Amino acid sequence: MELGFGGEVPDLYHLYRHGYPAAVIDVLAGAFEFSAGDLVVDVGCGTGQLTLPIAGRVRAVVGIDPEPAMLRRARQAACEAGATNVTWVLGADADLPAVRLALADRSIAAVTVGQALHWMDHEALFKHALTLVRPGGGVAVVTNGTPLWLQDSTWSRGLRAFLERWLDTTLTFPCGTDEPSQRRYEQALTSAGFEAARTAIDYVADLSFDHLVGGVYSALPAERLPAAGQRPAFAAQVRAAVGDNERFSEPVHVAIITGRLRR
């Protein structure tokens, strides 16, 4: 199941989406007691924003994504980073039972999902993950900040108003970053048999105007992405919507839910 993030979008996604602070990886490593012998499966890996930093803490990581173009860019990113312990697999959350078969009697340290669970059947994913992880391991759900156009700031409200006109739709979907979704994920982890816990890492990102526009491009499906020749005009409309500032402060709330399997 491809989600429309093909063509040029993976390059824009990799360039403009926030990575994860080292403190986030520290939380995951501590929660699941990562060791040099561990394997992690990162579902909905995109271009490897979460996959690659985890790879530095374990023996190997498998990044799974349904978008071939995302995986091509992820492979390039791994090569650029010198990460040789990552395998990239075309697939989705529904393919976790096949991962169980491939592993035979072996288990893994964790199944991670970064900013992608809203595309998935999270209840089924958690149940499948339960069969994969070792004692002390588990599932991590990491959401990497509220969408640019849903924040509580003048520039964000202006951006939202413009995008709603341009897309001819109402933008309210928070991509799993909202409190009701977070509670639902936590409760589903508990129901699946994990010990759930929540923590967060907060910081403020300093965005240039180009980075702000690039962040919008990275969220658009390929068929809605303005052509290269149309982008100056699109950027001018964004400029009119968000104001004349050259820098924009974006509070980023990285929410981390871990579900740990008892030893």
Protein backbone atom coordinates (compact mmCIF):
# COMPACT_ATOMS: atom_id res chain seq x y z
CA MET A 1 0.00 0.00 0.00
CA GLU A 2 1.75 3.15 -1.21
CA LEU A 3 0.66 6.39 0.46
CA GLY A 4 1.60 8.92 -2.21
CA PHE A 5 5.04 9.82 -0.85
CA GLY A 6 6.88 9.06 -4.06
CA GLY A 7 8.63 11.12 -6.69
CA GLU A 8 10.49 14.07 -5.19
CA VAL A 9 8.78 13.88 -1.79
CA PRO A 10 11.28 11.50 -0.10
CA ASP A 11 14.15 13.91 -0.78
CA LEU A 12 12.11 16.79 0.65
CA TYR A 13 11.06 14.62 3.59
CA HIS A 14 14.64 13.70 4.38
CA LEU A 15 15.87 17.27 4.04
CA TYR A 16 13.16 19.09 6.00
CA ARG A 17 11.64 16.71 8.55
CA HIS A 18 13.03 16.94 12.06
CA GLY A 19 15.34 14.20 13.18
CA TYR A 20 15.20 12.82 16.71
CA PRO A 21 17.29 14.31 19.52
CA ALA A 22 19.87 11.96 21.02
CA ALA A 23 17.86 12.05 24.26
CA VAL A 24 15.03 10.19 22.49
CA ILE A 25 17.34 7.34 21.57
CA ASP A 26 18.63 7.33 25.16
CA VAL A 27 15.05 6.82 26.39
CA LEU A 28 14.52 3.87 24.04
CA ALA A 29 17.88 2.31 24.88
CA GLY A 30 17.15 2.59 28.59
CA ALA A 31 13.58 1.34 28.39
CA PHE A 32 14.50 -1.79 26.45
CA GLU A 33 18.08 -2.23 27.68
CA PHE A 34 19.59 -2.24 24.20
CA SER A 35 22.74 -4.29 23.85
CA ALA A 36 25.31 -4.84 21.11
CA GLY A 37 23.60 -8.12 20.24
CA ASP A 38 20.07 -6.78 19.78
CA LEU A 39 17.87 -6.48 16.69
CA VAL A 40 15.22 -3.74 16.29
CA VAL A 41 12.45 -3.49 13.69
CA ASP A 42 11.43 0.06 12.74
CA VAL A 43 7.99 0.06 11.07
CA GLY A 44 7.03 2.95 8.80
CA CYS A 45 10.69 3.94 8.73
CA GLY A 46 10.40 6.62 6.04
CA THR A 47 13.88 7.80 5.12
CA GLY A 48 15.43 6.50 8.34
CA GLN A 49 15.12 9.41 10.78
CA LEU A 50 14.62 6.99 13.70
CA THR A 51 16.13 3.88 12.14
CA LEU A 52 19.65 5.21 11.69
CA PRO A 53 20.28 6.61 15.19
CA ILE A 54 18.95 3.38 16.70
CA ALA A 55 21.39 1.45 14.51
CA GLY A 56 24.24 2.97 16.47
CA ARG A 57 23.01 1.29 19.66
CA VAL A 58 22.28 -2.30 18.54
CA ARG A 59 23.61 -5.09 16.33
CA ALA A 60 21.15 -4.47 13.49
CA VAL A 61 17.93 -2.71 12.52
CA VAL A 62 15.32 -3.66 9.93
CA GLY A 63 13.54 -0.64 8.45
CA ILE A 64 10.15 -1.42 6.94
CA ASP A 65 8.14 0.99 4.76
CA PRO A 66 5.44 0.62 2.06
CA GLU A 67 6.94 3.36 -0.15
CA PRO A 68 9.75 2.20 -2.47
CA ALA A 69 10.97 5.76 -2.99
CA MET A 70 11.25 6.30 0.76
CA LEU A 71 13.38 3.18 1.07
CA ARG A 72 15.64 4.27 -1.79
CA ARG A 73 16.31 7.55 0.01
CA ALA A 74 16.79 5.68 3.30
CA ARG A 75 19.44 3.46 1.71
CA GLN A 76 21.21 6.56 0.44
CA ALA A 77 21.07 8.12 3.91
CA ALA A 78 22.51 4.95 5.46
CA CYS A 79 25.35 4.98 2.95
CA GLU A 80 26.05 8.64 3.66
CA ALA A 81 26.11 7.90 7.39
CA GLY A 82 28.29 4.81 7.00
CA ALA A 83 25.61 2.64 8.62
CA THR A 84 26.16 -0.93 7.43
CA ASN A 85 23.92 -2.73 9.93
CA VAL A 86 20.52 -1.70 8.50
CA THR A 87 18.34 -3.78 6.19
CA TRP A 88 15.54 -2.00 4.30
CA VAL A 89 12.38 -4.00 3.55
CA LEU A 90 9.34 -3.07 1.46
CA GLY A 91 6.31 -3.78 3.63
CA ALA A 92 3.89 -2.49 6.22
CA ASP A 93 2.65 -3.12 9.74
CA ALA A 94 0.47 -5.95 8.44
CA ASP A 95 3.67 -7.81 7.49
CA LEU A 96 4.87 -8.32 11.08
CA PRO A 97 3.56 -11.93 11.13
CA ALA A 98 5.91 -12.63 8.20
CA VAL A 99 8.76 -11.12 10.22
CA ARG A 100 7.89 -13.57 13.00
CA LEU A 101 8.19 -16.46 10.54
CA ALA A 102 11.50 -15.17 9.20
CA LEU A 103 12.97 -14.92 12.70
CA ALA A 104 11.97 -18.52 13.55
CA ASP A 105 12.67 -18.92 17.30
CA ARG A 106 14.71 -15.73 17.64
CA SER A 107 13.35 -12.58 19.28
CA ILE A 108 14.08 -8.88 18.97
CA ALA A 109 14.63 -6.01 21.38
CA ALA A 110 11.92 -3.68 20.08
CA VAL A 111 9.44 -2.69 17.42
CA THR A 112 9.57 1.07 16.91
CA VAL A 113 7.20 3.40 15.07
CA GLY A 114 8.20 7.02 14.51
CA GLN A 115 5.54 9.54 13.41
CA ALA A 116 3.72 6.93 11.34
CA LEU A 117 1.31 5.04 13.62
CA HIS A 118 -1.67 7.06 12.40
CA TRP A 119 -1.34 5.20 9.08
CA MET A 120 -1.52 1.79 10.81
CA ASP A 121 -3.84 -0.58 12.66
CA HIS A 122 -2.13 0.03 15.99
CA GLU A 123 -4.05 -2.59 17.95
CA ALA A 124 -3.11 -5.36 15.51
CA LEU A 125 0.49 -4.10 15.36
CA PHE A 126 0.86 -4.26 19.16
CA LYS A 127 -0.53 -7.80 19.27
CA HIS A 128 1.84 -8.97 16.54
CA ALA A 129 4.76 -7.22 18.24
CA LEU A 130 4.07 -9.16 21.42
CA THR A 131 5.11 -12.34 19.61
CA LEU A 132 8.36 -10.77 18.39
CA VAL A 133 10.03 -9.13 21.35
CA ARG A 134 12.23 -10.63 24.04
CA PRO A 135 11.51 -10.25 27.76
CA GLY A 136 12.43 -6.70 28.73
CA GLY A 137 11.92 -5.56 25.14
CA GLY A 138 8.83 -3.99 23.70
CA VAL A 139 7.20 -1.40 21.48
CA ALA A 140 7.97 2.31 21.19
CA VAL A 141 5.66 4.87 19.62
CA VAL A 142 7.42 8.17 18.96
CA THR A 143 5.57 11.23 17.66
CA ASN A 144 7.80 14.05 16.55
CA GLY A 145 5.87 17.26 17.15
CA THR A 146 2.57 18.78 16.06
CA PRO A 147 2.19 19.52 12.32
CA LEU A 148 3.46 22.96 11.33
CA TRP A 149 -0.04 24.19 10.49
CA LEU A 150 -1.72 23.10 13.75
CA GLN A 151 0.37 25.01 16.27
CA ASP A 152 -0.59 27.83 18.61
CA SER A 153 1.18 30.73 16.96
CA THR A 154 0.27 33.54 14.60
CA TRP A 155 2.42 32.19 11.77
CA SER A 156 0.99 28.67 12.13
CA ARG A 157 -2.59 29.93 12.04
CA GLY A 158 -1.79 31.95 8.94
CA LEU A 159 -0.18 28.91 7.31
CA ARG A 160 -3.21 26.77 8.13
CA ALA A 161 -5.64 29.30 6.65
CA PHE A 162 -3.63 29.45 3.41
CA LEU A 163 -3.28 25.67 3.10
CA GLU A 164 -6.96 25.11 3.73
CA ARG A 165 -7.78 27.48 0.86
CA TRP A 166 -5.13 25.99 -1.40
CA LEU A 167 -6.08 22.37 -0.67
CA ASP A 168 -9.81 23.13 -0.39
CA THR A 169 -10.11 21.17 2.83
CA THR A 170 -10.13 21.65 6.59
CA LEU A 171 -6.87 20.72 8.29
CA THR A 172 -7.57 19.22 11.70
CA PHE A 173 -5.82 15.83 11.64
CA PRO A 174 -2.95 15.91 14.18
CA CYS A 175 -1.21 12.73 12.92
CA GLY A 176 -1.38 10.99 16.30
CA THR A 177 0.28 13.82 18.22
CA ASP A 178 -2.86 14.85 20.15
CA GLU A 179 -3.60 13.74 23.70
CA PRO A 180 -6.65 11.52 22.85
CA SER A 181 -4.53 9.56 20.33
CA GLN A 182 -1.68 9.26 22.81
CA ARG A 183 -4.04 7.87 25.46
CA ARG A 184 -5.52 5.46 22.94
CA TYR A 185 -2.08 4.13 22.01
CA GLU A 186 -1.08 3.76 25.66
CA GLN A 187 -4.28 1.90 26.52
CA ALA A 188 -3.90 -0.38 23.50
CA LEU A 189 -0.36 -1.29 24.56
CA THR A 190 -1.62 -2.18 28.02
CA SER A 191 -4.47 -4.24 26.57
CA ALA A 192 -2.00 -6.12 24.37
CA GLY A 193 0.00 -7.19 27.43
CA PHE A 194 2.74 -4.55 27.71
CA GLU A 195 3.67 -2.34 30.64
CA ALA A 196 3.11 1.12 29.19
CA ALA A 197 4.91 4.31 30.16
CA ARG A 198 5.07 7.80 28.72
CA THR A 199 7.76 10.42 28.58
CA ALA A 200 8.60 13.39 26.39
CA ILE A 201 11.48 15.47 25.11
CA ASP A 202 10.72 19.14 24.42
CA TYR A 203 12.79 21.64 22.49
CA VAL A 204 12.30 24.69 20.27
CA ALA A 205 13.31 24.45 16.62
CA ASP A 206 14.53 27.61 14.90
CA LEU A 207 13.16 27.49 11.34
CA SER A 208 14.17 29.59 8.39
CA PHE A 209 11.42 30.55 5.96
CA ASP A 210 12.85 28.08 3.42
CA HIS A 211 12.75 25.32 6.03
CA LEU A 212 9.14 26.17 6.86
CA VAL A 213 8.11 25.94 3.19
CA GLY A 214 10.15 22.75 2.79
CA GLY A 215 8.33 21.25 5.77
CA VAL A 216 5.05 21.86 3.96
CA TYR A 217 6.38 20.27 0.77
CA SER A 218 7.55 17.22 2.74
CA ALA A 219 4.00 16.59 3.95
CA LEU A 220 2.30 16.77 0.57
CA PRO A 221 1.56 13.69 -1.53
CA ALA A 222 3.42 13.67 -4.82
CA GLU A 223 0.35 14.56 -6.86
CA ARG A 224 -0.23 17.77 -4.84
CA LEU A 225 3.39 18.91 -4.78
CA PRO A 226 3.79 22.15 -6.77
CA ALA A 227 5.98 21.72 -9.84
CA ALA A 228 9.43 23.28 -9.62
CA GLY A 229 8.38 26.24 -11.77
CA GLN A 230 5.38 26.91 -9.54
CA ARG A 231 7.24 26.91 -6.25
CA PRO A 232 8.33 30.56 -6.20
CA ALA A 233 4.67 31.59 -6.51
CA PHE A 234 3.65 29.04 -3.85
CA ALA A 235 6.37 30.29 -1.50
CA ALA A 236 5.22 33.88 -2.07
CA GLN A 237 1.71 32.90 -0.98
CA VAL A 238 3.10 31.19 2.12
CA ARG A 239 5.13 34.32 2.84
CA ALA A 240 2.01 36.46 2.66
CA ALA A 241 0.26 34.07 5.05
CA VAL A 242 2.96 33.75 7.73
CA GLY A 243 4.42 37.27 7.77
CA ASP A 244 7.78 38.84 7.04
CA ASN A 245 9.89 37.19 9.76
CA GLU A 246 13.00 35.40 8.58
CA ARG A 247 13.04 32.98 11.54
CA PHE A 248 10.16 31.04 13.07
CA SER A 249 10.14 29.37 16.49
CA GLU A 250 8.53 25.94 16.50
CA PRO A 251 7.98 24.22 19.85
CA VAL A 252 8.57 20.49 19.27
CA HIS A 253 7.05 18.02 21.71
CA VAL A 254 8.54 14.57 21.07
CA ALA A 255 6.13 12.19 22.80
CA ILE A 256 7.44 8.71 23.57
CA ILE A 257 5.20 5.82 24.63
CA THR A 258 6.99 2.60 25.51
CA GLY A 259 5.33 -0.73 26.05
CA ARG A 260 7.65 -3.13 27.84
CA LEU A 261 7.29 -6.90 28.06
CA ARG A 262 7.87 -8.14 31.62
CA ARG A 263 10.93 -10.26 32.21
